[in-house]
Amino acid sequence: MKYLVVGLGNIGDEYAHTRHNIGFDVVNAFVQKHGGSFTTSRLAYVAEVKWKGKAFVCICPTTYMNLSGKAVKYWMDKEKISTDRILVIVDDIALPLSKLRVRPGGSDAGHNGLKSIFELLGTHEYPKLRFGIGNDYPKGLQAEFVLGKWRTEEVPLVKLKIEKAVEIIEIFATQGITTAMNKVNNQEFSL
């Protein structure tokens, strides 16, 4: 059983550990926990991890956010992974910082990375793990907020949620999406 775990983000030091790059941070944490390491490959940083009889192809696209679909489509086809065994980890301003949400499908909600995936896959019906980043920014400054670093007081909660997101990847692969949804969708995370 093979899974494609996709963290959305942008390459480059200026984007490292920003809100928009939380997908990269979650996938990195998952790969580290399971003793994997990334190599630079076609359209993505790629790590292969084996755990509990499952194989995980973990990618962080190197295409920049707006072209994420190219990497997702390439690695799905190359590894022969169906859409129901993909999990895309993405930042979500519509969710408060205290929330994580797993869904088997759902629209791109204006997220450029998800839009790109839709354009290349032709469907919104693939599992997503949405990492709430909140929307605490002045009118007109959404881009600066999303591309900004976490506030000092947010970092402990972000770290906790990254750990939880790693557990959700494991639950998704071993117990299925319904169990993953039940475990996390109604939970409020706090310190």
N, C-alpha and C. Protein backbone atom coordinates (compact mmCIF):
# COMPACT_ATOMS: atom_id res chain seq x y z
N MET A 1 0.85 -1.19 0.00
CA MET A 1 0.00 0.00 0.00
C MET A 1 0.89 1.24 0.00
N LYS A 2 0.73 2.06 -1.02
CA LYS A 2 1.60 3.23 -1.16
C LYS A 2 0.78 4.51 -1.05
N TYR A 3 1.33 5.49 -0.37
CA TYR A 3 0.66 6.79 -0.17
C TYR A 3 1.55 7.91 -0.66
N LEU A 4 0.92 8.97 -1.16
CA LEU A 4 1.63 10.18 -1.55
C LEU A 4 1.26 11.26 -0.55
N VAL A 5 2.25 11.72 0.20
CA VAL A 5 2.05 12.78 1.20
C VAL A 5 2.69 14.04 0.64
N VAL A 6 1.86 15.07 0.45
CA VAL A 6 2.30 16.29 -0.21
C VAL A 6 2.23 17.46 0.77
N GLY A 7 3.34 18.12 0.97
CA GLY A 7 3.33 19.36 1.75
C GLY A 7 3.42 20.53 0.80
N LEU A 8 2.49 21.46 0.89
CA LEU A 8 2.55 22.62 0.00
C LEU A 8 3.35 23.75 0.64
N GLY A 9 4.10 24.44 -0.21
CA GLY A 9 4.92 25.56 0.25
C GLY A 9 5.72 26.12 -0.91
N ASN A 10 6.60 27.05 -0.58
CA ASN A 10 7.49 27.66 -1.57
C ASN A 10 8.93 27.37 -1.19
N ILE A 11 9.77 27.12 -2.19
CA ILE A 11 11.19 26.92 -1.91
C ILE A 11 11.86 28.27 -1.72
N GLY A 12 12.99 28.26 -1.04
CA GLY A 12 13.75 29.49 -0.81
C GLY A 12 13.73 29.87 0.65
N ASP A 13 14.88 30.34 1.13
CA ASP A 13 15.03 30.68 2.55
C ASP A 13 14.03 31.72 3.03
N GLU A 14 13.64 32.65 2.13
CA GLU A 14 12.73 33.72 2.56
C GLU A 14 11.34 33.18 2.90
N TYR A 15 11.03 31.96 2.43
CA TYR A 15 9.71 31.37 2.72
C TYR A 15 9.76 30.33 3.84
N ALA A 16 10.97 29.95 4.25
CA ALA A 16 11.10 28.88 5.25
C ALA A 16 10.35 29.24 6.53
N HIS A 17 9.57 28.29 7.02
CA HIS A 17 8.84 28.40 8.29
C HIS A 17 7.86 29.58 8.33
N THR A 18 7.33 29.95 7.17
CA THR A 18 6.25 30.93 7.14
C THR A 18 4.93 30.18 7.23
N ARG A 19 3.85 30.93 7.43
CA ARG A 19 2.53 30.29 7.52
C ARG A 19 2.21 29.50 6.25
N HIS A 20 2.54 30.07 5.10
CA HIS A 20 2.23 29.45 3.80
C HIS A 20 3.01 28.16 3.59
N ASN A 21 4.09 27.98 4.33
CA ASN A 21 4.96 26.80 4.17
C ASN A 21 4.71 25.72 5.20
N ILE A 22 3.60 25.81 5.93
CA ILE A 22 3.35 24.83 6.99
C ILE A 22 3.27 23.41 6.42
N GLY A 23 2.83 23.27 5.17
CA GLY A 23 2.80 21.94 4.55
C GLY A 23 4.19 21.32 4.50
N PHE A 24 5.19 22.12 4.10
CA PHE A 24 6.58 21.64 4.09
C PHE A 24 7.00 21.21 5.49
N ASP A 25 6.67 22.04 6.50
CA ASP A 25 7.11 21.77 7.87
C ASP A 25 6.49 20.48 8.41
N VAL A 26 5.21 20.23 8.10
CA VAL A 26 4.56 19.00 8.55
C VAL A 26 5.19 17.78 7.89
N VAL A 27 5.39 17.83 6.58
CA VAL A 27 5.96 16.69 5.87
C VAL A 27 7.40 16.44 6.34
N ASN A 28 8.17 17.51 6.56
CA ASN A 28 9.53 17.35 7.11
C ASN A 28 9.49 16.64 8.46
N ALA A 29 8.55 17.04 9.33
CA ALA A 29 8.45 16.43 10.66
C ALA A 29 8.09 14.94 10.55
N PHE A 30 7.19 14.61 9.62
CA PHE A 30 6.80 13.22 9.40
C PHE A 30 8.00 12.38 8.94
N VAL A 31 8.73 12.91 7.97
CA VAL A 31 9.89 12.20 7.41
C VAL A 31 10.97 12.02 8.49
N GLN A 32 11.23 13.08 9.26
CA GLN A 32 12.23 12.99 10.34
C GLN A 32 11.83 11.95 11.37
N LYS A 33 10.55 11.96 11.78
CA LYS A 33 10.07 11.01 12.79
C LYS A 33 10.31 9.58 12.35
N HIS A 34 10.20 9.31 11.06
CA HIS A 34 10.31 7.96 10.54
C HIS A 34 11.67 7.67 9.90
N GLY A 35 12.65 8.52 10.20
CA GLY A 35 14.03 8.25 9.81
C GLY A 35 14.34 8.38 8.33
N GLY A 36 13.52 9.12 7.62
CA GLY A 36 13.77 9.32 6.19
C GLY A 36 14.60 10.56 5.95
N SER A 37 14.99 10.77 4.71
CA SER A 37 15.68 12.01 4.35
C SER A 37 15.31 12.36 2.91
N PHE A 38 15.32 13.66 2.64
CA PHE A 38 14.92 14.17 1.34
C PHE A 38 16.08 14.21 0.36
N THR A 39 15.75 13.96 -0.91
CA THR A 39 16.69 14.21 -1.98
C THR A 39 15.97 15.13 -2.98
N THR A 40 16.75 15.84 -3.76
CA THR A 40 16.15 16.69 -4.79
C THR A 40 15.90 15.82 -6.01
N SER A 41 14.65 15.79 -6.46
CA SER A 41 14.29 14.97 -7.60
C SER A 41 13.45 15.80 -8.55
N ARG A 42 12.75 15.15 -9.45
CA ARG A 42 11.97 15.85 -10.47
C ARG A 42 10.82 16.62 -9.82
N LEU A 43 10.82 17.93 -9.94
CA LEU A 43 9.75 18.83 -9.49
C LEU A 43 9.54 18.89 -7.98
N ALA A 44 10.37 18.18 -7.19
CA ALA A 44 10.11 18.14 -5.74
C ALA A 44 11.32 17.65 -4.96
N TYR A 45 11.31 18.00 -3.67
CA TYR A 45 12.16 17.29 -2.71
C TYR A 45 11.36 16.04 -2.35
N VAL A 46 12.01 14.88 -2.37
CA VAL A 46 11.30 13.62 -2.20
C VAL A 46 11.97 12.78 -1.12
N ALA A 47 11.15 12.16 -0.28
CA ALA A 47 11.65 11.19 0.71
C ALA A 47 10.72 10.00 0.69
N GLU A 48 11.30 8.80 0.78
CA GLU A 48 10.47 7.59 0.88
C GLU A 48 10.61 7.05 2.29
N VAL A 49 9.46 6.73 2.89
CA VAL A 49 9.42 6.26 4.26
C VAL A 49 8.59 4.98 4.29
N LYS A 50 9.05 3.99 5.04
CA LYS A 50 8.25 2.77 5.25
C LYS A 50 7.88 2.73 6.73
N TRP A 51 6.59 2.41 6.98
CA TRP A 51 6.11 2.36 8.37
C TRP A 51 4.87 1.49 8.42
N LYS A 52 4.86 0.51 9.34
CA LYS A 52 3.71 -0.38 9.55
C LYS A 52 3.21 -0.98 8.24
N GLY A 53 4.14 -1.44 7.41
CA GLY A 53 3.77 -2.10 6.17
C GLY A 53 3.29 -1.17 5.07
N LYS A 54 3.37 0.12 5.30
CA LYS A 54 2.94 1.11 4.30
C LYS A 54 4.18 1.81 3.75
N ALA A 55 4.09 2.21 2.49
CA ALA A 55 5.16 3.01 1.87
C ALA A 55 4.61 4.41 1.64
N PHE A 56 5.39 5.39 2.04
CA PHE A 56 5.00 6.79 1.89
C PHE A 56 5.99 7.48 0.96
N VAL A 57 5.49 8.03 -0.12
CA VAL A 57 6.30 8.90 -0.97
C VAL A 57 5.94 10.31 -0.52
N CYS A 58 6.89 11.00 0.08
CA CYS A 58 6.64 12.32 0.65
C CYS A 58 7.29 13.37 -0.24
N ILE A 59 6.50 14.35 -0.66
CA ILE A 59 7.06 15.37 -1.55
C ILE A 59 6.77 16.78 -1.04
N CYS A 60 7.74 17.64 -1.26
CA CYS A 60 7.59 19.08 -1.11
C CYS A 60 7.93 19.67 -2.48
N PRO A 61 6.92 20.09 -3.23
CA PRO A 61 7.18 20.56 -4.60
C PRO A 61 8.18 21.72 -4.66
N THR A 62 9.04 21.69 -5.66
CA THR A 62 10.02 22.76 -5.87
C THR A 62 9.57 23.69 -6.99
N THR A 63 8.28 23.63 -7.31
CA THR A 63 7.72 24.38 -8.44
C THR A 63 7.20 25.75 -8.04
N TYR A 64 7.25 26.08 -6.77
CA TYR A 64 6.53 27.22 -6.17
C TYR A 64 5.05 26.87 -6.11
N MET A 65 4.39 27.49 -5.15
CA MET A 65 3.01 27.16 -4.79
C MET A 65 2.07 27.10 -5.99
N ASN A 66 2.13 28.11 -6.86
CA ASN A 66 1.15 28.24 -7.94
C ASN A 66 1.23 27.13 -8.98
N LEU A 67 2.29 26.34 -8.95
CA LEU A 67 2.45 25.24 -9.90
C LEU A 67 2.55 23.88 -9.20
N SER A 68 2.09 23.81 -7.96
CA SER A 68 2.18 22.57 -7.16
C SER A 68 1.59 21.36 -7.88
N GLY A 69 0.54 21.59 -8.65
CA GLY A 69 -0.13 20.49 -9.33
C GLY A 69 0.79 19.69 -10.24
N LYS A 70 1.77 20.37 -10.85
CA LYS A 70 2.71 19.67 -11.74
C LYS A 70 3.44 18.56 -10.98
N ALA A 71 3.92 18.88 -9.77
CA ALA A 71 4.66 17.90 -8.97
C ALA A 71 3.72 16.79 -8.50
N VAL A 72 2.52 17.16 -8.05
CA VAL A 72 1.56 16.17 -7.55
C VAL A 72 1.21 15.18 -8.66
N LYS A 73 0.88 15.70 -9.83
CA LYS A 73 0.49 14.84 -10.96
C LYS A 73 1.66 13.94 -11.38
N TYR A 74 2.86 14.51 -11.46
CA TYR A 74 4.02 13.72 -11.88
C TYR A 74 4.26 12.55 -10.92
N TRP A 75 4.26 12.82 -9.61
CA TRP A 75 4.58 11.77 -8.63
C TRP A 75 3.43 10.77 -8.46
N MET A 76 2.20 11.22 -8.63
CA MET A 76 1.06 10.28 -8.63
C MET A 76 1.21 9.28 -9.77
N ASP A 77 1.48 9.81 -10.97
CA ASP A 77 1.61 8.95 -12.14
C ASP A 77 2.83 8.04 -12.03
N LYS A 78 3.95 8.62 -11.63
CA LYS A 78 5.19 7.84 -11.54
C LYS A 78 5.06 6.68 -10.56
N GLU A 79 4.44 6.95 -9.40
CA GLU A 79 4.33 5.94 -8.34
C GLU A 79 3.02 5.15 -8.43
N LYS A 80 2.17 5.48 -9.41
CA LYS A 80 0.88 4.80 -9.60
C LYS A 80 0.04 4.82 -8.32
N ILE A 81 -0.18 6.04 -7.79
CA ILE A 81 -0.95 6.24 -6.57
C ILE A 81 -2.28 6.90 -6.94
N SER A 82 -3.37 6.32 -6.47
CA SER A 82 -4.70 6.86 -6.78
C SER A 82 -5.01 8.06 -5.88
N THR A 83 -5.99 8.88 -6.30
CA THR A 83 -6.30 10.11 -5.58
C THR A 83 -6.73 9.86 -4.13
N ASP A 84 -7.35 8.72 -3.84
CA ASP A 84 -7.79 8.48 -2.46
C ASP A 84 -6.63 8.15 -1.52
N ARG A 85 -5.44 7.93 -2.08
CA ARG A 85 -4.27 7.64 -1.23
C ARG A 85 -3.25 8.79 -1.26
N ILE A 86 -3.76 9.97 -1.61
CA ILE A 86 -2.95 11.18 -1.53
C ILE A 86 -3.40 11.92 -0.28
N LEU A 87 -2.49 12.59 0.39
CA LEU A 87 -2.88 13.52 1.45
C LEU A 87 -2.07 14.80 1.23
N VAL A 88 -2.80 15.90 0.95
CA VAL A 88 -2.16 17.19 0.71
C VAL A 88 -2.29 18.02 1.98
N ILE A 89 -1.16 18.50 2.49
CA ILE A 89 -1.15 19.32 3.71
C ILE A 89 -0.99 20.77 3.29
N VAL A 90 -1.92 21.61 3.76
CA VAL A 90 -2.01 22.97 3.25
C VAL A 90 -2.40 23.94 4.37
N ASP A 91 -1.92 25.18 4.26
CA ASP A 91 -2.32 26.24 5.21
C ASP A 91 -3.73 26.70 4.86
N ASP A 92 -4.49 27.14 5.88
CA ASP A 92 -5.86 27.58 5.64
C ASP A 92 -6.20 28.79 6.51
N ILE A 93 -6.41 29.96 5.87
CA ILE A 93 -6.74 31.17 6.64
C ILE A 93 -8.18 31.16 7.13
N ALA A 94 -9.02 30.30 6.56
CA ALA A 94 -10.43 30.24 6.99
C ALA A 94 -10.58 29.47 8.31
N LEU A 95 -9.53 28.78 8.72
CA LEU A 95 -9.56 28.04 9.99
C LEU A 95 -8.73 28.78 11.02
N PRO A 96 -9.21 28.85 12.28
CA PRO A 96 -8.41 29.48 13.32
C PRO A 96 -7.14 28.66 13.61
N LEU A 97 -6.18 29.29 14.23
CA LEU A 97 -4.92 28.63 14.55
C LEU A 97 -5.12 27.40 15.42
N SER A 98 -6.23 27.34 16.13
CA SER A 98 -6.50 26.23 17.05
C SER A 98 -7.03 24.97 16.35
N LYS A 99 -7.16 25.01 15.00
CA LYS A 99 -7.83 23.91 14.30
C LYS A 99 -6.97 23.23 13.24
N LEU A 100 -7.23 21.93 13.09
CA LEU A 100 -6.77 21.13 11.96
C LEU A 100 -8.04 20.51 11.38
N ARG A 101 -8.10 20.33 10.07
CA ARG A 101 -9.29 19.71 9.49
C ARG A 101 -8.88 18.77 8.36
N VAL A 102 -9.44 17.56 8.41
CA VAL A 102 -9.23 16.57 7.35
C VAL A 102 -10.53 16.42 6.59
N ARG A 103 -10.43 16.40 5.27
CA ARG A 103 -11.60 16.20 4.42
C ARG A 103 -11.21 15.28 3.25
N PRO A 104 -12.16 14.46 2.77
CA PRO A 104 -11.86 13.59 1.64
C PRO A 104 -11.88 14.34 0.31
N GLY A 105 -12.38 15.57 0.32
CA GLY A 105 -12.45 16.38 -0.90
C GLY A 105 -12.65 17.83 -0.51
N GLY A 106 -13.32 18.58 -1.35
CA GLY A 106 -13.59 19.98 -1.04
C GLY A 106 -12.82 20.91 -1.95
N SER A 107 -13.36 22.11 -2.14
CA SER A 107 -12.81 23.06 -3.11
C SER A 107 -11.44 23.59 -2.69
N ASP A 108 -10.83 24.35 -3.59
CA ASP A 108 -9.53 24.95 -3.30
C ASP A 108 -9.65 26.16 -2.38
N ALA A 109 -10.87 26.68 -2.19
CA ALA A 109 -11.13 27.82 -1.30
C ALA A 109 -10.18 29.00 -1.59
N GLY A 110 -9.84 29.16 -2.88
CA GLY A 110 -8.99 30.28 -3.27
C GLY A 110 -7.50 30.07 -3.04
N HIS A 111 -7.11 28.87 -2.59
CA HIS A 111 -5.69 28.60 -2.33
C HIS A 111 -4.99 28.25 -3.64
N ASN A 112 -3.95 28.99 -3.99
CA ASN A 112 -3.30 28.82 -5.30
C ASN A 112 -2.68 27.44 -5.50
N GLY A 113 -2.13 26.85 -4.44
CA GLY A 113 -1.56 25.52 -4.56
C GLY A 113 -2.63 24.49 -4.88
N LEU A 114 -3.77 24.58 -4.19
CA LEU A 114 -4.87 23.66 -4.44
C LEU A 114 -5.51 23.90 -5.81
N LYS A 115 -5.55 25.17 -6.24
CA LYS A 115 -6.06 25.49 -7.58
C LYS A 115 -5.22 24.78 -8.64
N SER A 116 -3.91 24.83 -8.47
CA SER A 116 -2.99 24.20 -9.43
C SER A 116 -3.21 22.69 -9.46
N ILE A 117 -3.41 22.08 -8.29
CA ILE A 117 -3.64 20.64 -8.24
C ILE A 117 -4.94 20.30 -8.97
N PHE A 118 -5.97 21.11 -8.74
CA PHE A 118 -7.26 20.89 -9.43
C PHE A 118 -7.08 20.98 -10.95
N GLU A 119 -6.33 21.99 -11.39
CA GLU A 119 -6.13 22.17 -12.83
C GLU A 119 -5.48 20.95 -13.47
N LEU A 120 -4.57 20.31 -12.74
CA LEU A 120 -3.86 19.16 -13.33
C LEU A 120 -4.55 17.84 -13.08
N LEU A 121 -5.25 17.68 -11.96
CA LEU A 121 -5.93 16.41 -11.69
C LEU A 121 -7.36 16.42 -12.22
N GLY A 122 -7.94 17.62 -12.39
CA GLY A 122 -9.31 17.72 -12.87
C GLY A 122 -10.35 17.35 -11.82
N THR A 123 -9.95 17.31 -10.56
CA THR A 123 -10.88 16.99 -9.48
C THR A 123 -10.44 17.65 -8.18
N HIS A 124 -11.44 17.92 -7.33
CA HIS A 124 -11.16 18.39 -5.96
C HIS A 124 -11.23 17.20 -5.00
N GLU A 125 -11.59 16.03 -5.53
CA GLU A 125 -11.85 14.87 -4.67
C GLU A 125 -10.57 14.09 -4.37
N TYR A 126 -9.78 14.63 -3.47
CA TYR A 126 -8.60 13.95 -2.92
C TYR A 126 -8.45 14.48 -1.50
N PRO A 127 -7.93 13.67 -0.59
CA PRO A 127 -7.86 14.08 0.81
C PRO A 127 -6.91 15.25 1.06
N LYS A 128 -7.38 16.13 1.96
CA LYS A 128 -6.59 17.30 2.35
C LYS A 128 -6.54 17.39 3.87
N LEU A 129 -5.41 17.80 4.37
CA LEU A 129 -5.27 18.14 5.79
C LEU A 129 -5.01 19.64 5.83
N ARG A 130 -6.01 20.36 6.30
CA ARG A 130 -5.92 21.82 6.36
C ARG A 130 -5.42 22.24 7.73
N PHE A 131 -4.38 23.04 7.74
CA PHE A 131 -3.73 23.52 8.96
C PHE A 131 -4.15 24.97 9.17
N GLY A 132 -5.02 25.20 10.15
CA GLY A 132 -5.52 26.55 10.39
C GLY A 132 -4.39 27.50 10.76
N ILE A 133 -4.35 28.64 10.06
CA ILE A 133 -3.34 29.66 10.38
C ILE A 133 -4.01 30.93 10.88
N GLY A 134 -5.37 30.94 10.90
CA GLY A 134 -6.08 32.12 11.36
C GLY A 134 -6.08 33.21 10.29
N ASN A 135 -6.73 34.32 10.64
CA ASN A 135 -6.80 35.44 9.68
C ASN A 135 -6.66 36.77 10.42
N ASP A 136 -5.71 36.80 11.32
CA ASP A 136 -5.49 37.96 12.17
C ASP A 136 -4.56 38.97 11.47
N TYR A 137 -5.10 39.63 10.45
CA TYR A 137 -4.29 40.60 9.70
C TYR A 137 -5.17 41.78 9.31
N PRO A 138 -4.56 42.97 9.16
CA PRO A 138 -5.32 44.15 8.73
C PRO A 138 -5.80 43.99 7.29
N LYS A 139 -6.91 44.61 6.97
CA LYS A 139 -7.49 44.57 5.63
C LYS A 139 -6.43 44.92 4.58
N GLY A 140 -6.37 44.10 3.54
CA GLY A 140 -5.44 44.35 2.45
C GLY A 140 -4.05 43.76 2.66
N LEU A 141 -3.82 43.13 3.81
CA LEU A 141 -2.48 42.60 4.09
C LEU A 141 -2.45 41.07 4.19
N GLN A 142 -3.37 40.43 3.47
CA GLN A 142 -3.43 38.96 3.52
C GLN A 142 -2.13 38.33 3.04
N ALA A 143 -1.60 38.78 1.92
CA ALA A 143 -0.38 38.18 1.37
C ALA A 143 0.78 38.29 2.35
N GLU A 144 0.92 39.47 2.97
CA GLU A 144 2.01 39.67 3.93
C GLU A 144 1.84 38.74 5.14
N PHE A 145 0.59 38.56 5.56
CA PHE A 145 0.30 37.67 6.70
C PHE A 145 0.65 36.22 6.35
N VAL A 146 0.14 35.76 5.23
CA VAL A 146 0.33 34.36 4.83
C VAL A 146 1.81 34.05 4.60
N LEU A 147 2.52 35.01 4.00
CA LEU A 147 3.95 34.79 3.72
C LEU A 147 4.84 35.19 4.89
N GLY A 148 4.22 35.59 6.00
CA GLY A 148 4.98 36.01 7.18
C GLY A 148 5.33 34.85 8.10
N LYS A 149 6.27 35.11 9.00
CA LYS A 149 6.68 34.12 10.00
C LYS A 149 5.65 34.09 11.13
N TRP A 150 5.62 33.00 11.85
CA TRP A 150 4.74 32.87 13.02
C TRP A 150 5.16 33.87 14.09
N ARG A 151 4.19 34.40 14.80
CA ARG A 151 4.50 35.26 15.95
C ARG A 151 5.08 34.38 17.06
N THR A 152 5.94 34.97 17.86
CA THR A 152 6.61 34.23 18.94
C THR A 152 5.62 33.47 19.80
N GLU A 153 4.50 34.12 20.14
CA GLU A 153 3.53 33.47 21.04
C GLU A 153 2.75 32.35 20.33
N GLU A 154 2.80 32.29 19.00
CA GLU A 154 2.10 31.23 18.25
C GLU A 154 2.94 29.96 18.12
N VAL A 155 4.26 30.09 18.22
CA VAL A 155 5.17 28.99 17.91
C VAL A 155 4.90 27.72 18.73
N PRO A 156 4.68 27.79 20.05
CA PRO A 156 4.42 26.55 20.78
C PRO A 156 3.18 25.80 20.29
N LEU A 157 2.11 26.52 19.96
CA LEU A 157 0.89 25.89 19.45
C LEU A 157 1.12 25.31 18.06
N VAL A 158 1.88 26.02 17.23
CA VAL A 158 2.21 25.52 15.89
C VAL A 158 2.98 24.21 16.00
N LYS A 159 3.95 24.15 16.92
CA LYS A 159 4.74 22.92 17.10
C LYS A 159 3.84 21.76 17.54
N LEU A 160 2.93 22.04 18.47
CA LEU A 160 1.99 21.01 18.93
C LEU A 160 1.14 20.52 17.75
N LYS A 161 0.63 21.45 16.95
CA LYS A 161 -0.21 21.07 15.82
C LYS A 161 0.58 20.31 14.74
N ILE A 162 1.85 20.63 14.58
CA ILE A 162 2.68 19.86 13.63
C ILE A 162 2.76 18.41 14.10
N GLU A 163 2.98 18.20 15.41
CA GLU A 163 3.02 16.82 15.95
C GLU A 163 1.70 16.11 15.70
N LYS A 164 0.59 16.81 15.94
CA LYS A 164 -0.75 16.22 15.72
C LYS A 164 -0.95 15.91 14.24
N ALA A 165 -0.50 16.80 13.37
CA ALA A 165 -0.65 16.59 11.93
C ALA A 165 0.13 15.34 11.49
N VAL A 166 1.30 15.12 12.07
CA VAL A 166 2.09 13.92 11.77
C VAL A 166 1.30 12.68 12.19
N GLU A 167 0.67 12.73 13.36
CA GLU A 167 -0.16 11.60 13.81
C GLU A 167 -1.32 11.37 12.84
N ILE A 168 -1.90 12.46 12.32
CA ILE A 168 -3.02 12.34 11.39
C ILE A 168 -2.59 11.64 10.10
N ILE A 169 -1.39 11.94 9.62
CA ILE A 169 -0.87 11.24 8.43
C ILE A 169 -0.82 9.74 8.72
N GLU A 170 -0.32 9.38 9.90
CA GLU A 170 -0.22 7.96 10.28
C GLU A 170 -1.60 7.32 10.37
N ILE A 171 -2.55 8.01 11.01
CA ILE A 171 -3.91 7.48 11.17
C ILE A 171 -4.59 7.33 9.80
N PHE A 172 -4.41 8.33 8.95
CA PHE A 172 -4.98 8.29 7.59
C PHE A 172 -4.53 7.01 6.87
N ALA A 173 -3.25 6.68 6.97
CA ALA A 173 -2.71 5.52 6.25
C ALA A 173 -3.06 4.19 6.91
N THR A 174 -3.17 4.17 8.24
CA THR A 174 -3.38 2.88 8.92
C THR A 174 -4.84 2.62 9.26
N GLN A 175 -5.64 3.69 9.49
CA GLN A 175 -7.02 3.48 9.93
C GLN A 175 -8.05 4.11 8.99
N GLY A 176 -7.59 4.89 8.02
CA GLY A 176 -8.51 5.46 7.05
C GLY A 176 -8.90 6.90 7.34
N ILE A 177 -9.48 7.53 6.33
CA ILE A 177 -9.78 8.96 6.41
C ILE A 177 -10.90 9.26 7.41
N THR A 178 -11.87 8.37 7.54
CA THR A 178 -12.98 8.63 8.46
C THR A 178 -12.46 8.72 9.89
N THR A 179 -11.60 7.78 10.27
CA THR A 179 -11.01 7.80 11.61
C THR A 179 -10.17 9.06 11.80
N ALA A 180 -9.40 9.43 10.78
CA ALA A 180 -8.58 10.66 10.86
C ALA A 180 -9.47 11.87 11.08
N MET A 181 -10.59 11.94 10.35
CA MET A 181 -11.52 13.06 10.49
C MET A 181 -12.12 13.09 11.90
N ASN A 182 -12.54 11.93 12.38
CA ASN A 182 -13.15 11.85 13.71
C ASN A 182 -12.18 12.25 14.82
N LYS A 183 -10.90 11.93 14.61
CA LYS A 183 -9.89 12.23 15.63
C LYS A 183 -9.61 13.72 15.76
N VAL A 184 -9.74 14.47 14.66
CA VAL A 184 -9.18 15.82 14.67
C VAL A 184 -10.17 16.94 14.34
N ASN A 185 -11.20 16.68 13.56
CA ASN A 185 -12.00 17.79 13.04
C ASN A 185 -12.74 18.61 14.08
N ASN A 186 -13.14 18.00 15.19
CA ASN A 186 -13.86 18.76 16.21
C ASN A 186 -12.99 19.17 17.38
N GLN A 187 -11.69 18.97 17.23
CA GLN A 187 -10.78 19.28 18.33
C GLN A 187 -10.28 20.72 18.26
N GLU A 188 -10.20 21.35 19.43
CA GLU A 188 -9.57 22.68 19.54
C GLU A 188 -8.20 22.44 20.17
N PHE A 189 -7.17 22.92 19.51
CA PHE A 189 -5.83 22.75 20.05
C PHE A 189 -5.42 23.99 20.84
N SER A 190 -4.92 23.75 22.03
CA SER A 190 -4.42 24.88 22.83
C SER A 190 -3.33 24.35 23.74
N LEU A 191 -2.62 25.28 24.35
CA LEU A 191 -1.51 24.87 25.24
C LEU A 191 -1.98 24.92 26.68
